[in-house]
Amino acid sequence: MAGIRVAVCRRYARVSGLRISRREIGKRMNRAAAREMLSTYLERPVTGVLAKMGVSPNMVTFAGLLGAGVSAWLISEGMLWAGGVVMLLAGVLDLFDGSLARSTGKESPFGALLDSVVDRVSEIVVLLGLLIHYARNDSLEGTVLVYLAVGGSVMVSYLRARSEGLGIDCKVGIMTRPERVAALGAGMIISHWFPAVMLVVLGIIAALTTLTTAQRLIHTGRSLSAGD
């Protein structure tokens, strides 16, 4: 059955004018399977409880933003490990607002827009906390790397939004928002014992967001050319 699905996917890729490797198709199928497991064992049970409590999707969205603000404050005060924990917990909330909206029939274009904007603001707020931390400690390396990480993250998000505005689905790339959140959170927690790790993580994020920007630009360009 898996072989049939791969063959169908490859056939669709040829018809649509896109060249997708077997490895890429496998990755997408694995992500879909992981997403389904996450939805079954985490999202649906939690959103069911939230719905019974009368919690709205926007309340969950703003709770995530509040968590990002608390995380940024902790980071700016030098408590990176605590900021990392709070950031990861706030990131988990992002799993539930969309599924809660769907399960309660409260989906709306504005809700999707609000969620996307709050996600971007939350990420920048946390990185701002890191910027303040490094500025207070006169760390030129940390300050520069935070600037690069912010720039790369913004460009990744902008290219996806711009591509989708042109009618192109653009979720490709190695360093999307979930990977950035996980890397930042883990890096800040580990930096409690190994301070230099955070600089390495920021460097990786800066480099891979640049790569992801290039991947998305190429993907969108090829898709537009195939549609001409």
Protein backbone atom coordinates (compact mmCIF):
# COMPACT_ATOMS: atom_id res chain seq x y z
CA MET A 1 0.00 0.00 0.00
CA ALA A 2 2.84 2.40 0.85
CA GLY A 3 4.41 1.67 -2.53
CA ILE A 4 1.15 2.54 -4.27
CA ARG A 5 0.90 5.84 -2.38
CA VAL A 6 4.47 6.74 -3.35
CA ALA A 7 3.77 5.89 -7.00
CA VAL A 8 0.63 8.01 -6.99
CA CYS A 9 2.49 10.91 -5.38
CA ARG A 10 5.29 10.67 -7.93
CA ARG A 11 2.74 10.57 -10.76
CA TYR A 12 1.02 13.66 -9.34
CA ALA A 13 4.36 15.43 -9.08
CA ARG A 14 5.07 14.81 -12.78
CA VAL A 15 1.61 15.95 -13.86
CA SER A 16 1.84 19.16 -11.83
CA GLY A 17 5.22 19.93 -13.35
CA LEU A 18 7.13 19.50 -10.09
CA ARG A 19 10.02 17.15 -9.51
CA ILE A 20 9.82 15.60 -6.06
CA SER A 21 12.25 12.90 -5.00
CA ARG A 22 11.22 9.64 -3.37
CA ARG A 23 13.04 10.77 -0.22
CA GLU A 24 11.05 14.03 -0.09
CA ILE A 25 7.78 12.14 -0.57
CA GLY A 26 8.78 9.80 2.25
CA LYS A 27 9.51 12.74 4.52
CA ARG A 28 6.13 14.28 3.82
CA MET A 29 4.36 10.99 4.50
CA ASN A 30 6.26 10.57 7.79
CA ARG A 31 5.36 14.11 8.84
CA ALA A 32 1.71 13.44 8.04
CA ALA A 33 1.78 10.25 10.14
CA ALA A 34 3.45 12.05 13.05
CA ARG A 35 0.92 14.86 12.78
CA GLU A 36 -1.96 12.38 12.90
CA MET A 37 -0.55 10.72 16.04
CA LEU A 38 -0.08 14.10 17.70
CA SER A 39 -3.64 15.05 16.84
CA THR A 40 -5.09 11.77 18.12
CA TYR A 41 -3.23 11.52 21.42
CA LEU A 42 -2.69 15.17 22.37
CA GLU A 43 -4.61 17.79 20.41
CA ARG A 44 -8.07 16.22 20.43
CA PRO A 45 -8.13 15.26 24.14
CA VAL A 46 -6.82 18.66 25.25
CA THR A 47 -9.06 20.68 22.94
CA GLY A 48 -12.03 18.63 24.16
CA VAL A 49 -11.28 19.68 27.74
CA LEU A 50 -10.72 23.32 26.73
CA ALA A 51 -14.01 23.39 24.81
CA LYS A 52 -15.91 22.06 27.83
CA MET A 53 -14.30 24.77 29.98
CA GLY A 54 -15.53 27.45 27.58
CA VAL A 55 -12.03 28.51 26.51
CA SER A 56 -12.01 30.29 23.15
CA PRO A 57 -9.33 29.87 20.46
CA ASN A 58 -8.31 33.52 20.81
CA MET A 59 -7.80 33.03 24.56
CA VAL A 60 -5.35 30.23 23.80
CA THR A 61 -3.60 32.38 21.20
CA PHE A 62 -3.11 35.28 23.61
CA ALA A 63 -2.06 32.91 26.40
CA GLY A 64 0.79 31.83 24.13
CA LEU A 65 1.75 35.46 23.58
CA LEU A 66 1.70 36.08 27.33
CA GLY A 67 3.94 33.06 27.81
CA ALA A 68 6.37 34.44 25.24
CA GLY A 69 6.45 37.75 27.12
CA VAL A 70 7.21 36.01 30.42
CA SER A 71 9.89 33.96 28.68
CA ALA A 72 11.49 37.11 27.24
CA TRP A 73 11.57 38.77 30.67
CA LEU A 74 13.19 35.73 32.27
CA ILE A 75 15.78 35.59 29.49
CA SER A 76 16.57 39.31 29.77
CA GLU A 77 17.19 38.80 33.49
CA GLY A 78 19.71 36.07 32.75
CA MET A 79 17.47 33.08 33.59
CA LEU A 80 17.81 31.46 30.19
CA TRP A 81 16.90 27.95 31.32
CA ALA A 82 13.63 29.16 32.88
CA GLY A 83 12.90 31.26 29.80
CA GLY A 84 13.49 28.21 27.63
CA VAL A 85 11.05 26.10 29.63
CA VAL A 86 8.34 28.78 29.51
CA MET A 87 8.94 29.30 25.79
CA LEU A 88 8.46 25.60 25.03
CA LEU A 89 5.28 25.50 27.11
CA ALA A 90 3.97 28.57 25.29
CA GLY A 91 4.89 26.90 22.00
CA VAL A 92 2.79 23.87 22.93
CA LEU A 93 -0.25 26.15 23.24
CA ASP A 94 0.11 26.92 19.54
CA LEU A 95 -0.96 23.34 18.85
CA PHE A 96 -4.38 23.90 20.33
CA ASP A 97 -5.85 27.20 19.12
CA GLY A 98 -6.40 26.03 15.54
CA SER A 99 -7.76 22.61 16.49
CA LEU A 100 -9.98 24.22 19.15
CA ALA A 101 -11.38 26.60 16.53
CA ARG A 102 -12.15 23.67 14.21
CA SER A 103 -13.74 21.51 16.90
CA THR A 104 -15.97 24.34 18.17
CA GLY A 105 -16.91 25.70 14.75
CA LYS A 106 -15.18 29.01 15.43
CA GLU A 107 -12.78 28.97 12.48
CA SER A 108 -12.50 32.29 10.69
CA PRO A 109 -10.07 34.02 8.32
CA PHE A 110 -9.41 36.67 10.97
CA GLY A 111 -8.66 34.00 13.58
CA ALA A 112 -6.11 32.40 11.26
CA LEU A 113 -4.57 35.81 10.58
CA LEU A 114 -4.43 36.64 14.30
CA ASP A 115 -2.78 33.31 15.08
CA SER A 116 -0.14 33.86 12.40
CA VAL A 117 0.61 37.41 13.56
CA VAL A 118 0.84 36.38 17.23
CA ASP A 119 3.20 33.53 16.30
CA ARG A 120 5.56 35.98 14.59
CA VAL A 121 5.35 38.50 17.44
CA SER A 122 5.95 35.79 20.06
CA GLU A 123 9.10 34.60 18.32
CA ILE A 124 10.48 38.11 17.95
CA VAL A 125 9.67 38.94 21.59
CA VAL A 126 11.68 35.95 22.81
CA LEU A 127 14.61 36.87 20.58
CA LEU A 128 14.36 40.44 21.89
CA GLY A 129 14.80 39.02 25.39
CA LEU A 130 17.98 37.32 24.20
CA LEU A 131 19.15 40.56 22.59
CA ILE A 132 18.71 42.44 25.87
CA HIS A 133 20.53 39.67 27.73
CA TYR A 134 23.56 39.78 25.45
CA ALA A 135 23.59 43.59 25.32
CA ARG A 136 23.64 43.75 29.12
CA ASN A 137 26.55 41.34 29.16
CA ASP A 138 28.46 43.21 26.42
CA SER A 139 28.45 40.15 24.17
CA LEU A 140 28.99 41.38 20.62
CA GLU A 141 28.83 37.84 19.24
CA GLY A 142 25.49 37.14 20.91
CA THR A 143 24.02 40.47 19.81
CA VAL A 144 25.03 39.96 16.18
CA LEU A 145 23.76 36.37 16.12
CA VAL A 146 20.39 37.40 17.54
CA TYR A 147 20.06 40.07 14.83
CA LEU A 148 20.85 37.46 12.17
CA ALA A 149 18.42 34.95 13.67
CA VAL A 150 15.63 37.56 13.74
CA GLY A 151 16.33 38.55 10.14
CA GLY A 152 16.37 34.95 8.94
CA SER A 153 13.18 34.06 10.81
CA VAL A 154 11.33 37.07 9.43
CA MET A 155 12.41 36.27 5.87
CA VAL A 156 11.30 32.63 6.16
CA SER A 157 7.85 33.70 7.33
CA TYR A 158 7.62 36.51 4.77
CA LEU A 159 8.45 34.23 1.85
CA ARG A 160 5.77 31.75 2.87
CA ALA A 161 3.17 34.51 3.19
CA ARG A 162 4.20 36.11 -0.11
CA SER A 163 4.21 32.78 -1.93
CA GLU A 164 0.79 31.83 -0.61
CA GLY A 165 -0.42 35.25 -1.75
CA LEU A 166 0.63 34.15 -5.23
CA GLY A 167 -1.27 30.88 -4.85
CA ILE A 168 1.81 28.73 -4.11
CA ASP A 169 1.88 26.39 -1.11
CA CYS A 170 5.26 27.09 0.48
CA LYS A 171 6.01 24.97 3.54
CA VAL A 172 9.37 23.66 2.34
CA GLY A 173 12.61 24.24 4.20
CA ILE A 174 14.76 22.80 6.93
CA MET A 175 14.24 25.51 9.57
CA THR A 176 10.55 26.33 9.91
CA ARG A 177 8.95 27.80 13.03
CA PRO A 178 8.53 24.54 15.02
CA GLU A 179 12.22 23.72 14.50
CA ARG A 180 13.23 27.24 15.55
CA VAL A 181 11.11 27.11 18.71
CA ALA A 182 12.47 23.68 19.64
CA ALA A 183 16.07 24.73 18.97
CA LEU A 184 15.78 27.97 20.94
CA GLY A 185 14.06 26.31 23.89
CA ALA A 186 16.48 23.40 24.07
CA GLY A 187 19.47 25.70 23.59
CA MET A 188 18.44 27.98 26.45
CA ILE A 189 17.86 25.08 28.82
CA ILE A 190 21.19 23.42 27.99
CA SER A 191 22.99 26.77 28.26
CA HIS A 192 22.37 26.66 32.02
CA TRP A 193 25.20 24.12 32.15
CA PHE A 194 27.04 24.99 28.93
CA PRO A 195 26.66 28.75 28.24
CA ALA A 196 28.41 28.62 24.86
CA VAL A 197 25.72 26.30 23.47
CA MET A 198 23.28 29.20 23.04
CA LEU A 199 25.66 31.01 20.70
CA VAL A 200 26.03 27.83 18.64
CA VAL A 201 22.25 27.41 18.46
CA LEU A 202 21.77 31.01 17.35
CA GLY A 203 24.44 30.54 14.68
CA ILE A 204 22.70 27.41 13.43
CA ILE A 205 19.33 29.17 13.33
CA ALA A 206 20.84 32.13 11.46
CA ALA A 207 22.49 29.83 8.90
CA LEU A 208 19.56 27.46 8.40
CA THR A 209 16.93 30.20 8.17
CA THR A 210 19.04 31.72 5.40
CA LEU A 211 19.11 28.32 3.69
CA THR A 212 15.36 27.92 4.18
CA THR A 213 14.78 31.35 2.66
CA ALA A 214 16.73 30.25 -0.41
CA GLN A 215 14.83 26.93 -0.55
CA ARG A 216 11.49 28.71 -0.46
CA LEU A 217 12.54 31.26 -3.04
CA ILE A 218 13.67 28.51 -5.42
CA HIS A 219 10.52 26.45 -4.75
CA THR A 220 8.24 29.40 -5.45
CA GLY A 221 10.17 30.37 -8.57
CA ARG A 222 9.94 26.84 -9.98
CA SER A 223 6.25 26.58 -9.14
CA LEU A 224 5.50 29.88 -10.85
CA SER A 225 7.51 28.83 -13.90
CA ALA A 226 5.69 25.49 -14.07
CA GLY A 227 2.37 27.31 -14.04
CA ASP A 228 3.28 29.59 -16.97
